[in-house]
Protein backbone atom coordinates (compact mmCIF):
# COMPACT_ATOMS: atom_id res chain seq x y z
CA UNK A 1 6.12 71.26 15.52
CA UNK A 2 4.76 70.42 18.97
CA UNK A 3 2.95 67.25 17.88
CA UNK A 4 5.65 66.18 15.40
CA UNK A 5 7.42 62.91 16.18
CA UNK A 6 10.92 63.75 17.46
CA UNK A 7 12.47 61.53 14.78
CA UNK A 8 11.29 63.97 12.10
CA UNK A 9 12.76 66.87 14.07
CA UNK A 10 16.06 65.00 14.02
CA UNK A 11 15.73 64.58 10.27
CA UNK A 12 15.43 68.36 9.85
CA UNK A 13 18.42 69.05 12.13
CA UNK A 14 20.45 66.37 10.33
CA UNK A 15 19.82 68.08 6.99
CA UNK A 16 21.39 71.30 8.31
CA UNK A 17 24.33 69.49 9.94
CA UNK A 18 25.11 67.48 6.81
CA UNK A 19 24.66 70.54 4.58
CA UNK A 20 27.51 72.34 6.33
CA UNK A 21 29.84 69.42 7.11
CA UNK A 22 29.62 67.84 3.67
CA UNK A 23 29.42 71.19 1.90
CA UNK A 24 32.87 71.88 3.34
CA UNK A 25 34.17 68.53 2.19
CA UNK A 26 32.52 68.85 -1.22
CA UNK A 27 34.39 72.12 -1.79
CA UNK A 28 37.78 70.38 -1.74
CA UNK A 29 37.97 70.23 -5.53
CA UNK A 30 37.75 74.02 -5.77
CA UNK A 31 41.10 74.36 -4.00
CA UNK A 32 43.04 71.86 -6.15
CA UNK A 33 44.21 74.15 -8.96
CA UNK A 34 44.91 77.34 -6.93
CA UNK A 35 46.71 75.53 -4.10
CA UNK A 36 48.69 73.21 -6.37
CA UNK A 37 49.92 76.39 -8.05
CA UNK A 38 50.67 78.19 -4.76
CA UNK A 39 52.53 75.24 -3.19
CA UNK A 40 54.05 73.98 -6.51
CA UNK A 41 52.40 70.61 -5.88
CA UNK A 42 51.33 67.80 -8.20
CA UNK A 43 47.68 66.75 -8.30
CA UNK A 44 48.48 63.41 -6.72
CA UNK A 45 50.42 64.95 -3.83
CA UNK A 46 47.69 67.47 -3.07
CA UNK A 47 44.93 64.83 -3.39
CA UNK A 48 46.68 62.78 -0.74
CA UNK A 49 45.39 65.29 1.84
CA UNK A 50 41.85 64.23 0.90
CA UNK A 51 42.83 60.55 0.90
CA UNK A 52 44.47 60.88 4.31
CA UNK A 53 41.32 62.54 5.68
CA UNK A 54 39.27 59.55 4.54
CA UNK A 55 41.77 57.06 5.99
CA UNK A 56 41.60 58.95 9.30
CA UNK A 57 37.81 59.06 8.95
CA UNK A 58 37.66 55.30 8.42
CA UNK A 59 39.95 54.46 11.33
CA UNK A 60 38.04 56.82 13.64
CA UNK A 61 34.56 55.68 12.63
CA UNK A 62 34.39 52.47 14.74
CA UNK A 63 35.66 54.37 17.79
CA UNK A 64 33.15 57.18 17.23
CA UNK A 65 30.45 54.59 16.59
CA UNK A 66 31.22 52.90 19.90
CA UNK A 67 31.09 56.30 21.62
CA UNK A 68 27.68 56.94 20.04
CA UNK A 69 26.31 53.52 21.04
CA UNK A 70 27.58 53.83 24.63
CA UNK A 71 26.76 57.47 25.29
CA UNK A 72 24.96 59.68 22.79
CA UNK A 73 25.28 61.07 19.25
CA UNK A 74 25.04 64.49 20.90
CA UNK A 75 28.62 64.08 22.12
CA UNK A 76 30.09 62.72 18.87
CA UNK A 77 28.36 65.23 16.57
CA UNK A 78 29.21 68.29 18.68
CA UNK A 79 32.86 67.26 19.06
CA UNK A 80 33.02 66.41 15.35
CA UNK A 81 31.65 69.81 14.37
CA UNK A 82 34.13 71.58 16.65
CA UNK A 83 37.07 69.67 15.14
CA UNK A 84 35.93 70.50 11.60
CA UNK A 85 35.73 74.16 12.57
CA UNK A 86 39.19 74.03 14.16
CA UNK A 87 40.68 72.38 11.06
CA UNK A 88 39.29 75.15 8.84
CA UNK A 89 40.79 77.88 11.02
CA UNK A 90 44.15 76.11 10.98
CA UNK A 91 44.01 75.64 7.18
CA UNK A 92 43.67 79.39 6.78
CA UNK A 93 47.19 79.68 8.24
CA UNK A 94 48.79 76.86 6.18
CA UNK A 95 52.11 77.65 4.51
CA UNK A 96 53.02 74.22 3.12
CA UNK A 97 51.46 71.01 1.86
CA UNK A 98 52.53 69.32 5.09
CA UNK A 99 50.12 71.57 6.99
CA UNK A 100 47.28 70.39 4.76
CA UNK A 101 48.11 66.78 5.58
CA UNK A 102 47.85 67.52 9.30
CA UNK A 103 44.98 70.00 9.40
CA UNK A 104 42.79 68.49 6.67
CA UNK A 105 44.05 64.92 6.52
CA UNK A 106 43.97 64.23 10.26
CA UNK A 107 41.97 66.83 12.22
CA UNK A 108 39.23 67.28 9.60
CA UNK A 109 39.08 63.50 9.06
CA UNK A 110 38.52 62.81 12.76
CA UNK A 111 35.89 65.53 12.95
CA UNK A 112 33.97 64.25 9.94
CA UNK A 113 33.86 60.73 11.40
CA UNK A 114 31.60 62.07 14.15
CA UNK A 115 28.96 63.35 11.74
CA UNK A 116 27.46 61.03 9.11
CA UNK A 117 27.79 57.66 10.97
CA UNK A 118 26.31 59.18 14.14
CA UNK A 119 23.49 60.94 12.30
CA UNK A 120 22.45 58.03 10.09
CA UNK A 121 22.59 55.43 12.89
CA UNK A 122 20.44 57.72 15.02
CA UNK A 123 17.88 58.12 12.22
CA UNK A 124 17.85 54.33 11.80
CA UNK A 125 17.05 53.92 15.50
CA UNK A 126 14.15 56.36 15.34
CA UNK A 127 12.56 54.74 12.27
CA UNK A 128 11.73 51.21 11.15
CA UNK A 129 8.78 51.23 8.72
CA UNK A 130 9.77 54.65 7.32
CA UNK A 131 13.51 54.05 7.56
CA UNK A 132 14.24 54.41 3.85
CA UNK A 133 12.20 57.60 3.50
CA UNK A 134 13.69 59.17 6.65
CA UNK A 135 17.24 58.37 5.54
CA UNK A 136 16.53 59.68 2.06
CA UNK A 137 15.26 63.01 3.35
CA UNK A 138 17.97 63.38 6.02
CA UNK A 139 20.83 62.56 3.65
CA UNK A 140 19.60 65.20 1.21
CA UNK A 141 21.64 67.53 3.42
CA UNK A 142 24.77 66.05 1.80
CA UNK A 143 23.41 66.87 -1.65
CA UNK A 144 22.38 70.37 -0.57
CA UNK A 145 25.92 70.83 0.67
CA UNK A 146 27.16 71.00 -2.91
CA UNK A 147 25.43 74.38 -3.18
CA UNK A 148 28.12 75.62 -0.78
CA UNK A 149 30.64 75.07 -3.57
CA UNK A 150 29.08 77.87 -5.61
CA UNK A 151 29.50 80.28 -2.69
CA UNK A 152 32.98 78.92 -1.99
CA UNK A 153 34.02 79.46 -5.63
CA UNK A 154 33.08 83.14 -5.49
CA UNK A 155 34.60 83.46 -2.01
CA UNK A 156 37.94 82.10 -3.26
CA UNK A 157 37.82 84.51 -6.19
CA UNK A 158 36.96 87.65 -4.20
CA UNK A 159 38.20 86.93 -0.65
CA UNK A 160 40.96 84.40 -1.27
CA UNK A 161 41.27 80.80 -0.16
CA UNK A 162 42.45 81.65 3.37
CA UNK A 163 39.40 83.76 4.25
CA UNK A 164 37.18 81.12 2.68
CA UNK A 165 38.48 78.56 5.16
CA UNK A 166 37.76 81.00 8.03
CA UNK A 167 34.14 81.38 6.92
CA UNK A 168 33.78 77.59 6.72
CA UNK A 169 35.17 77.28 10.24
CA UNK A 170 32.54 79.60 11.70
CA UNK A 171 29.77 77.75 9.85
CA UNK A 172 30.90 74.42 11.32
CA UNK A 173 30.94 75.70 14.90
CA UNK A 174 27.50 77.30 14.59
CA UNK A 175 25.59 74.82 12.42
CA UNK A 176 27.22 71.49 13.26
CA UNK A 177 28.67 71.57 16.78
CA UNK A 178 25.97 73.76 18.33
CA UNK A 179 22.96 72.06 16.68
CA UNK A 180 24.35 68.63 17.52
CA UNK A 181 24.77 69.56 21.18
CA UNK A 182 21.20 70.89 21.40
CA UNK A 183 19.10 68.43 19.41
CA UNK A 184 20.74 64.99 18.98
CA UNK A 185 19.34 62.07 21.02
CA UNK A 186 20.39 58.41 21.29
CA UNK A 187 17.13 56.57 20.46
CA UNK A 188 13.34 56.94 20.85
CA UNK A 189 13.17 54.41 23.69
CA UNK A 190 15.37 56.61 25.90
CA UNK A 191 12.76 59.36 25.47
CA UNK A 192 9.80 57.09 26.26
CA UNK A 193 8.91 56.93 22.55
CA UNK A 194 8.72 54.18 19.95
CA UNK A 195 10.22 54.04 16.44
CA UNK A 196 8.17 55.80 13.74
CA UNK A 197 6.14 57.53 16.45
CA UNK A 198 4.04 54.42 17.08
CA UNK A 199 1.90 54.32 20.20
CA UNK A 200 1.61 50.56 20.71
CA UNK A 201 3.91 47.58 20.43
CA UNK A 202 4.44 44.31 22.25
CA UNK A 203 7.87 45.54 23.29
CA UNK A 204 6.87 49.07 24.29
CA UNK A 205 9.13 50.66 26.92
CA UNK A 206 7.58 51.39 30.27
CA UNK A 207 7.91 54.64 32.24
CA UNK A 208 10.39 56.06 29.78
CA UNK A 209 12.85 53.16 30.18
CA UNK A 210 14.90 52.13 27.19
CA UNK A 211 13.46 49.16 25.28
CA UNK A 212 15.63 46.19 24.31
CA UNK A 213 17.26 46.73 20.94
CA UNK A 214 18.21 43.55 19.08
CA UNK A 215 21.13 42.79 16.82
CA UNK A 216 24.56 41.26 16.40
CA UNK A 217 27.58 42.07 18.50
CA UNK A 218 30.42 43.58 16.43
CA UNK A 219 32.52 40.41 16.72
CA UNK A 220 29.55 38.38 15.43
CA UNK A 221 28.96 40.77 12.54
CA UNK A 222 32.45 40.40 11.07
CA UNK A 223 31.94 36.63 10.91
CA UNK A 224 29.00 37.06 8.55
CA UNK A 225 29.61 37.06 4.80
CA UNK A 226 26.94 39.74 4.46
CA UNK A 227 29.08 42.18 6.47
CA UNK A 228 31.90 41.90 3.94
CA UNK A 229 29.59 41.93 0.96
CA UNK A 230 27.94 45.17 2.11
CA UNK A 231 31.37 46.70 2.74
CA UNK A 232 32.56 45.67 -0.74
CA UNK A 233 29.39 46.89 -2.45
CA UNK A 234 29.58 50.43 -1.10
CA UNK A 235 33.37 50.60 -1.37
CA UNK A 236 33.21 49.92 -5.11
CA UNK A 237 30.41 52.44 -5.59
CA UNK A 238 32.00 55.18 -3.49
CA UNK A 239 35.39 54.88 -5.23
CA UNK A 240 33.73 55.15 -8.64
CA UNK A 241 31.59 58.18 -7.84
CA UNK A 242 34.10 60.21 -5.82
CA UNK A 243 36.72 60.11 -8.54
CA UNK A 244 34.36 62.33 -10.53
CA UNK A 245 32.92 64.39 -7.67
CA UNK A 246 36.30 65.56 -6.33
CA UNK A 247 37.80 66.10 -9.79
CA UNK A 248 34.74 67.58 -11.50
CA UNK A 249 35.95 71.19 -11.13
CA UNK A 250 39.51 70.47 -12.39
CA UNK A 251 38.01 68.32 -15.19
CA UNK A 252 35.87 71.20 -16.45
CA UNK A 253 38.82 73.61 -16.36
CA UNK A 254 41.41 71.18 -17.76
CA UNK A 255 39.19 70.20 -20.69
CA UNK A 256 38.34 73.82 -21.47
CA UNK A 257 34.64 73.22 -20.91
CA UNK A 258 34.13 76.28 -18.70
CA UNK A 259 35.38 78.53 -15.91
CA UNK A 260 35.59 77.63 -12.22
CA UNK A 261 32.22 79.26 -11.54
CA UNK A 262 30.62 77.09 -14.25
CA UNK A 263 32.30 74.02 -12.77
CA UNK A 264 30.97 74.98 -9.33
CA UNK A 265 27.53 75.34 -10.92
CA UNK A 266 27.89 71.77 -12.18
CA UNK A 267 28.61 70.64 -8.61
CA UNK A 268 25.57 72.54 -7.37
CA UNK A 269 23.49 70.87 -10.08
CA UNK A 270 24.86 67.53 -8.90
CA UNK A 271 23.67 68.30 -5.40
CA UNK A 272 20.23 69.43 -6.54
CA UNK A 273 19.47 66.40 -8.71
CA UNK A 274 20.94 63.90 -6.24
CA UNK A 275 18.31 65.07 -3.74
CA UNK A 276 15.72 63.61 -6.08
CA UNK A 277 17.63 60.34 -6.06
CA UNK A 278 18.01 60.29 -2.29
CA UNK A 279 14.39 61.06 -1.46
CA UNK A 280 12.62 59.14 -4.23
CA UNK A 281 14.82 56.05 -3.97
CA UNK A 282 14.63 56.07 -0.17
CA UNK A 283 10.86 55.98 -0.55
CA UNK A 284 11.05 53.41 -3.36
CA UNK A 285 13.45 51.14 -1.44
CA UNK A 286 10.82 50.68 1.27
CA UNK A 287 8.48 49.29 -1.39
CA UNK A 288 10.51 47.41 -4.02
CA UNK A 289 13.67 46.62 -2.03
CA UNK A 290 17.01 48.24 -1.35
CA UNK A 291 19.07 46.02 -3.67
CA UNK A 292 16.89 46.79 -6.69
CA UNK A 293 17.30 50.49 -5.97
CA UNK A 294 21.08 50.02 -5.76
CA UNK A 295 21.04 48.25 -9.13
CA UNK A 296 19.45 51.33 -10.67
CA UNK A 297 22.17 53.44 -9.04
CA UNK A 298 25.08 51.44 -10.49
CA UNK A 299 23.64 51.21 -14.00
CA UNK A 300 22.94 54.96 -14.06
CA UNK A 301 26.49 55.81 -12.93
CA UNK A 302 27.99 53.45 -15.54
CA UNK A 303 26.11 55.17 -18.37
CA UNK A 304 27.14 58.59 -17.03
CA UNK A 305 30.86 57.78 -16.77
CA UNK A 306 30.97 56.33 -20.28
CA UNK A 307 29.27 59.48 -21.59
CA UNK A 308 31.82 61.73 -19.86
CA UNK A 309 34.61 60.18 -21.92
CA UNK A 310 33.09 61.78 -25.02
CA UNK A 311 31.78 65.10 -23.63
CA UNK A 312 32.97 68.21 -25.47
CA UNK A 313 30.86 71.16 -24.25
CA UNK A 314 29.43 72.47 -21.00
CA UNK A 315 25.78 71.97 -21.95
CA UNK A 316 26.33 68.27 -22.63
CA UNK A 317 28.24 68.05 -19.33
CA UNK A 318 25.28 69.47 -17.43
CA UNK A 319 22.97 66.83 -18.98
CA UNK A 320 25.37 64.04 -18.02
CA UNK A 321 25.66 65.43 -14.49
CA UNK A 322 21.86 65.29 -14.17
CA UNK A 323 21.95 61.56 -14.98
CA UNK A 324 24.99 60.88 -12.79
CA UNK A 325 23.51 62.81 -9.87
CA UNK A 326 20.35 60.74 -9.82
CA UNK A 327 22.36 57.51 -9.67
CA UNK A 328 24.79 58.93 -7.10
CA UNK A 329 21.93 60.13 -4.91
CA UNK A 330 20.45 56.67 -4.56
CA UNK A 331 23.05 54.77 -2.55
CA UNK A 332 24.03 56.92 0.50
CA UNK A 333 20.60 56.69 2.21
CA UNK A 334 20.68 52.91 1.85
CA UNK A 335 23.98 52.15 3.60
CA UNK A 336 22.61 52.37 7.16
CA UNK A 337 19.32 50.56 6.39
CA UNK A 338 21.18 47.72 4.65
CA UNK A 339 23.54 47.33 7.61
CA UNK A 340 20.50 47.32 9.93
CA UNK A 341 18.84 44.64 7.78
CA UNK A 342 21.73 42.22 8.25
CA UNK A 343 23.07 43.22 11.69
CA UNK A 344 20.17 44.76 13.65
CA UNK A 345 19.89 48.05 15.59
CA UNK A 346 21.59 47.20 18.88
CA UNK A 347 25.18 47.97 17.86
CA UNK A 348 24.36 49.74 14.62
CA UNK A 349 26.70 52.72 15.09
CA UNK A 350 29.68 50.48 15.90
CA UNK A 351 29.08 48.06 13.02
CA UNK A 352 28.36 50.91 10.62
CA UNK A 353 31.63 52.48 11.72
CA UNK A 354 33.50 49.22 11.02
CA UNK A 355 32.10 49.08 7.50
CA UNK A 356 32.94 52.76 7.12
CA UNK A 357 36.64 51.91 7.38
CA UNK A 358 36.45 50.25 3.97
CA UNK A 359 34.07 52.80 2.47
CA UNK A 360 36.26 55.70 3.62
CA UNK A 361 39.42 54.05 2.31
CA UNK A 362 37.78 53.56 -1.09
CA UNK A 363 36.45 57.13 -1.04
CA UNK A 364 39.95 58.44 -0.42
CA UNK A 365 41.77 56.17 -2.87
CA UNK A 366 39.42 57.03 -5.75
CA UNK A 367 40.40 60.74 -6.00
CA UNK A 368 44.06 59.90 -5.26
CA UNK A 369 44.03 57.47 -8.19
CA UNK A 370 42.41 60.13 -10.41
CA UNK A 371 45.08 62.68 -9.45
CA UNK A 372 48.00 60.32 -10.08
CA UNK A 373 46.54 59.17 -13.41
CA UNK A 374 46.12 62.78 -14.53
CA UNK A 375 49.70 63.62 -13.52
CA UNK A 376 50.92 60.69 -15.66
CA UNK A 377 48.61 60.94 -18.68
CA UNK A 378 47.08 64.46 -18.62
CA UNK A 379 43.82 62.64 -19.37
CA UNK A 380 40.68 61.47 -17.56
CA UNK A 381 39.99 58.50 -19.86
CA UNK A 382 41.43 55.83 -17.59
CA UNK A 383 39.84 57.46 -14.54
CA UNK A 384 36.33 57.20 -15.96
CA UNK A 385 36.97 53.73 -17.37
CA UNK A 386 38.11 52.55 -13.93
CA UNK A 387 34.90 53.95 -12.45
CA UNK A 388 32.86 51.90 -14.90
CA UNK A 389 34.72 48.71 -13.94
CA UNK A 390 34.17 49.39 -10.21
CA UNK A 391 30.42 49.79 -10.75
CA UNK A 392 30.35 46.51 -12.67
CA UNK A 393 31.93 44.85 -9.62
CA UNK A 394 29.26 46.49 -7.44
CA UNK A 395 26.55 44.94 -9.63
CA UNK A 396 28.19 41.55 -9.07
CA UNK A 397 28.01 41.99 -5.30
CA UNK A 398 24.33 43.02 -5.53
CA UNK A 399 23.66 39.83 -7.50
CA UNK A 400 25.18 37.76 -4.66
CA UNK A 401 23.34 39.65 -1.90
CA UNK A 402 20.00 39.13 -3.63
CA UNK A 403 20.41 35.42 -2.96
CA UNK A 404 21.13 35.83 0.74
CA UNK A 405 18.24 36.31 3.22
CA UNK A 406 18.37 39.25 5.58
CA UNK A 407 17.96 38.80 9.35
CA UNK A 408 14.39 38.81 10.63
CA UNK A 409 12.98 40.45 13.76
CA UNK A 410 15.90 42.86 14.35
CA UNK A 411 14.25 46.08 13.27
């Protein structure tokens, strides 16, 4: 790997970091039924721990983004990984739902805010021409993380949920905090390199000095309609998809479609197929455009959610999950590049973190809504129907953005 551009090394490290951090988060649904039973909790009350973690994540993201822009993603990722590990160790000692609100809702939420925004903004700084492809490959770590759910399901069954949290804690310290501290860098210019590994440019840095990155200041960004449109687009999409992702395991068990291990296999399948969406659409977005790729994502998710309303056996569920996973895999790699298109690279981490407030809130409210609706109706019909309506709204935002020019010369 001696002659490999450092940006691609970061992509590889990011895959591992995201695999562990988001594998831990993706396993939340596995704990819903056993812990609701142990703590005599409703689905809505337990799901609030997840919602609170996303609210905390959203509030923390701009602060972490500012820390990344001013210092280095090395600091934010290593601290984030350590906090995730700490939260897992504390969760293994929880004796009430209140502990879950503190340990998962607050500590885990703060820790997670140091991971994805820092990683994706760093990848966006190291790549311009290959930005979509690099983001697609790097974010496949999130999809791979769903394979952790299969191991977590068996761990809960044979070791218990407390020991499972301990194992997750060790993984976070070793694979997130440690790798972040060793490998993360701020930008290619600070290393005497150029984006994409180029050797010549009119703005090439001299003697290893950092080149001038261009882009909007955060206060300027929030005055642009495009800032709010991008925030709305991904908020609608995230709320729609995470209602299913977090409640997929309980859905399979509640509907009598299969056991927890089969539900975990469905989550693993989701992760596997979404990798195809992340990588292929990241590559495709560089050629046909990001908004067209996002249109494919929303339409695919709409068809999948409608199909889930009528599913009656596990084999049909697996087929629907394949379709859903492809659509779900498309949009995460495109958040950072779309923000960079409209706001530039200079303050990308900070602006991305500001948009993440709304995305995280939507991501948390989606599963909370699904839990409350199930408590009231013992059905998932209105949950899936609401997801369809949210994706229709996302298509409306895409239609508006297609008629607005992106900023030029800020790559």
